Amino acid sequence: MFGNTWTKSMVSGVMVMALSMIIGCSATNRDISPDEVIHYDVGYDFSDKKAIVSSLVSSLMNKPPLVARNDRPVLIVYNVANRTSEHIETSAITDDIRQEILQSGKARFVNEVQRGTIQKESDYQYGGNVTPETRIQRAKQVGAEYMISGTLRSINKEEPKQVRLKKKTLRYYSLVLELTDLQTGLIEWTDSVEIVRESSTPIIGW
């Protein structure tokens, strides 16, 4: 009888533990603020993007030549070259930079991404389907005065092999942005943002 009681207690205990593990492993979701800084590993993430954009936009708008301009000069954005080993959509960085500068009212931008669509609409309007008095005038587009471009680079370092309980990884990112005068070809402004992050991962874990 004692044996049966002990067996039942063991079975009940195992079932409770199993149920606890199932509950603990269940998926959960929560909303977080886009302004909250979150890093799950050493890799590039949305928090890094926000920090990069904030720093470079502040520098660009508060230093020559833009700080002295009140006529909203026209800029054009060319993609930031990705020189890292990761798949990083650098267009997300330039899109946010363009958006913040536009919202500040400090400059205007050529819509280089939609040039093909603009040309297609222009051709349609001059194809005989639009009245002459309502169609756009050709050769009226505004040329850019400055070009924004840049390069994103990274360096990855890991601790050498040795007897240890944790493995440390160091990741370094550097984004250099430039503003070039398209008339003279001169770089009128440049700045950079550096991000260095270290992670420590247990050798045994899941």
Protein backbone atom coordinates (compact mmCIF):
# COMPACT_ATOMS: atom_id res chain seq x y z
CA MET A 1 0.00 0.00 0.00
CA PHE A 2 2.84 2.32 0.86
CA GLY A 3 4.40 1.50 -2.48
CA ASN A 4 1.24 2.41 -4.37
CA THR A 5 0.95 5.70 -2.52
CA TRP A 6 4.58 6.53 -3.28
CA THR A 7 4.10 5.64 -6.94
CA LYS A 8 1.01 7.82 -7.21
CA SER A 9 2.87 10.70 -5.57
CA MET A 10 5.74 10.31 -8.04
CA VAL A 11 3.37 10.24 -11.01
CA SER A 12 1.54 13.31 -9.73
CA GLY A 13 4.84 15.11 -9.22
CA VAL A 14 6.05 14.29 -12.73
CA MET A 15 2.75 15.46 -14.20
CA VAL A 16 2.94 18.74 -12.30
CA MET A 17 6.52 19.29 -13.49
CA ALA A 18 5.57 18.46 -17.08
CA LEU A 19 2.61 20.82 -16.95
CA SER A 20 4.80 23.57 -15.52
CA MET A 21 7.33 23.08 -18.33
CA ILE A 22 4.60 23.22 -20.98
CA ILE A 23 3.17 26.42 -19.50
CA GLY A 24 6.64 27.92 -19.19
CA CYS A 25 7.45 27.13 -22.82
CA SER A 26 4.25 28.59 -24.23
CA ALA A 27 4.61 31.57 -26.59
CA THR A 28 3.82 35.06 -25.35
CA ASN A 29 3.48 38.40 -27.12
CA ARG A 30 3.67 41.98 -25.91
CA ASP A 31 3.68 45.40 -27.50
CA ILE A 32 6.78 47.51 -26.97
CA SER A 33 7.58 51.13 -27.71
CA PRO A 34 9.67 51.78 -30.84
CA ASP A 35 11.76 54.09 -28.64
CA GLU A 36 12.65 51.27 -26.24
CA VAL A 37 16.24 50.10 -26.64
CA ILE A 38 16.28 46.32 -27.06
CA HIS A 39 19.18 44.08 -28.12
CA TYR A 40 18.81 40.29 -28.30
CA ASP A 41 22.34 39.75 -29.58
CA VAL A 42 25.34 41.69 -30.90
CA GLY A 43 23.80 42.06 -34.36
CA TYR A 44 22.39 45.20 -35.95
CA ASP A 45 18.77 45.90 -35.03
CA PHE A 46 16.05 48.58 -35.12
CA SER A 47 17.43 50.27 -31.98
CA ASP A 48 20.75 50.77 -33.78
CA LYS A 49 18.96 52.23 -36.79
CA LYS A 50 17.14 54.78 -34.66
CA ALA A 51 20.38 55.80 -32.90
CA ILE A 52 22.23 56.15 -36.21
CA VAL A 53 19.49 58.23 -37.84
CA SER A 54 19.04 60.52 -34.83
CA SER A 55 22.76 61.28 -34.54
CA LEU A 56 23.41 61.88 -38.24
CA VAL A 57 20.29 63.98 -38.88
CA SER A 58 21.14 66.24 -35.94
CA SER A 59 24.68 66.70 -37.22
CA LEU A 60 23.61 67.30 -40.83
CA MET A 61 21.01 69.94 -39.97
CA ASN A 62 23.11 71.78 -37.40
CA LYS A 63 26.38 72.10 -39.32
CA PRO A 64 27.35 73.84 -42.58
CA PRO A 65 26.14 73.98 -45.24
CA LEU A 66 22.52 73.26 -44.25
CA VAL A 67 22.53 75.20 -40.97
CA ALA A 68 23.11 78.46 -42.86
CA ARG A 69 20.50 77.80 -45.56
CA ASN A 70 16.96 79.16 -45.32
CA ASP A 71 15.92 78.41 -48.92
CA ARG A 72 15.31 74.66 -48.47
CA PRO A 73 17.98 73.32 -50.85
CA VAL A 74 17.15 70.24 -52.92
CA LEU A 75 18.88 66.99 -51.97
CA ILE A 76 19.01 63.53 -53.47
CA VAL A 77 19.71 60.30 -51.57
CA TYR A 78 21.87 57.55 -52.98
CA ASN A 79 22.00 54.27 -51.15
CA VAL A 80 24.33 53.63 -48.24
CA ALA A 81 26.72 50.88 -49.33
CA ASN A 82 26.61 47.81 -47.09
CA ARG A 83 30.18 46.63 -46.48
CA THR A 84 29.23 44.29 -43.64
CA SER A 85 28.85 40.51 -43.76
CA GLU A 86 25.17 40.84 -42.78
CA HIS A 87 22.05 41.37 -44.85
CA ILE A 88 21.13 44.90 -43.73
CA GLU A 89 18.55 47.00 -45.57
CA THR A 90 20.46 50.29 -45.57
CA SER A 91 17.60 51.92 -47.49
CA ALA A 92 15.70 51.89 -44.18
CA ILE A 93 18.39 54.22 -42.79
CA THR A 94 18.28 56.65 -45.71
CA ASP A 95 14.46 56.59 -45.78
CA ASP A 96 14.33 57.67 -42.13
CA ILE A 97 17.00 60.33 -42.66
CA ARG A 98 15.05 61.79 -45.58
CA GLN A 99 11.80 61.70 -43.61
CA GLU A 100 13.23 63.54 -40.60
CA ILE A 101 14.89 66.23 -42.72
CA LEU A 102 11.70 66.75 -44.74
CA GLN A 103 9.62 67.04 -41.59
CA SER A 104 12.05 69.64 -40.24
CA GLY A 105 11.41 71.84 -43.28
CA LYS A 106 15.16 72.32 -43.72
CA ALA A 107 15.46 70.81 -47.20
CA ARG A 108 13.57 69.16 -50.07
CA PHE A 109 14.32 65.91 -51.86
CA VAL A 110 14.23 64.62 -55.40
CA ASN A 111 12.12 61.45 -55.52
CA GLU A 112 14.77 59.37 -57.25
CA VAL A 113 13.03 56.09 -56.38
CA GLN A 114 9.94 57.04 -58.42
CA ARG A 115 11.71 58.54 -61.43
CA GLY A 116 10.58 55.71 -63.67
CA THR A 117 6.97 56.11 -62.52
CA ILE A 118 7.13 59.88 -63.00
CA GLN A 119 8.44 59.41 -66.53
CA LYS A 120 5.71 56.85 -67.25
CA GLU A 121 3.00 59.27 -66.10
CA SER A 122 4.56 62.07 -68.16
CA ASP A 123 4.55 59.88 -71.27
CA TYR A 124 0.90 58.98 -70.62
CA GLN A 125 -0.14 62.61 -70.30
CA TYR A 126 1.54 63.41 -73.62
CA GLY A 127 0.08 60.33 -75.31
CA GLY A 128 -3.11 62.10 -76.36
CA ASN A 129 -5.39 61.10 -73.47
CA VAL A 130 -4.96 64.25 -71.35
CA THR A 131 -6.07 67.75 -72.26
CA PRO A 132 -3.18 70.13 -73.03
CA GLU A 133 -4.26 72.63 -70.35
CA THR A 134 -4.13 70.03 -67.53
CA ARG A 135 -1.06 67.99 -68.43
CA ILE A 136 2.27 68.75 -66.78
CA GLN A 137 4.94 70.82 -68.46
CA ARG A 138 8.02 68.89 -69.42
CA ALA A 139 11.57 69.97 -68.53
CA LYS A 140 10.33 71.58 -65.32
CA GLN A 141 11.76 69.14 -62.78
CA VAL A 142 14.11 70.56 -60.17
CA GLY A 143 17.68 69.31 -60.07
CA ALA A 144 19.36 68.34 -56.81
CA GLU A 145 22.06 70.57 -55.36
CA TYR A 146 23.47 68.05 -52.89
CA MET A 147 23.80 64.26 -52.77
CA ILE A 148 23.66 62.15 -49.60
CA SER A 149 25.63 58.90 -49.66
CA GLY A 150 27.53 56.72 -47.22
CA THR A 151 29.05 53.41 -46.21
CA LEU A 152 28.22 50.95 -43.43
CA ARG A 153 31.05 48.72 -42.18
CA SER A 154 31.41 46.17 -39.40
CA ILE A 155 34.11 44.22 -37.56
CA ASN A 156 33.38 40.98 -35.71
CA LYS A 157 35.71 39.53 -33.07
CA GLU A 158 35.42 36.41 -30.91
CA GLU A 159 37.50 35.27 -27.95
CA PRO A 160 40.17 32.71 -28.87
CA LYS A 161 39.49 29.07 -28.06
CA GLN A 162 40.23 28.27 -24.43
CA VAL A 163 38.68 26.56 -21.41
CA ARG A 164 35.81 28.79 -20.33
CA LEU A 165 32.14 28.71 -19.37
CA LYS A 166 31.09 31.57 -21.66
CA LYS A 167 32.03 32.74 -25.14
CA LYS A 168 32.37 36.48 -25.71
CA THR A 169 31.70 38.16 -29.06
CA LEU A 170 32.45 41.77 -29.98
CA ARG A 171 30.68 43.53 -32.86
CA TYR A 172 31.66 46.97 -34.19
CA TYR A 173 29.60 49.03 -36.64
CA SER A 174 30.56 52.29 -38.32
CA LEU A 175 28.33 54.32 -40.63
CA VAL A 176 29.94 57.24 -42.47
CA LEU A 177 27.57 59.66 -44.22
CA GLU A 178 28.56 62.37 -46.70
CA LEU A 179 26.90 65.39 -48.29
CA THR A 180 28.39 66.17 -51.72
CA ASP A 181 27.90 69.38 -53.72
CA LEU A 182 26.84 68.13 -57.17
CA GLN A 183 28.00 71.33 -58.86
CA THR A 184 31.58 71.20 -57.56
CA GLY A 185 31.93 67.55 -56.57
CA LEU A 186 33.18 68.65 -53.14
CA ILE A 187 32.19 66.91 -49.91
CA GLU A 188 30.63 69.72 -47.88
CA TRP A 189 29.77 67.69 -44.77
CA THR A 190 30.55 64.30 -43.32
CA ASP A 191 30.01 62.56 -40.00
CA SER A 192 29.98 59.06 -38.59
CA VAL A 193 28.29 56.95 -35.94
CA GLU A 194 30.03 54.07 -34.18
CA ILE A 195 28.34 51.24 -32.29
CA VAL A 196 30.29 48.68 -30.27
CA ARG A 197 28.52 45.79 -28.54
CA GLU A 198 29.75 42.78 -26.58
CA SER A 199 27.77 39.62 -25.89
CA SER A 200 28.51 36.74 -23.55
CA THR A 201 26.99 33.36 -24.42
CA PRO A 202 27.12 30.24 -22.22
CA ILE A 203 28.95 27.33 -23.81
CA ILE A 204 26.14 25.00 -22.72
CA GLY A 205 22.58 26.21 -23.08
CA TRP A 206 19.51 26.39 -25.32
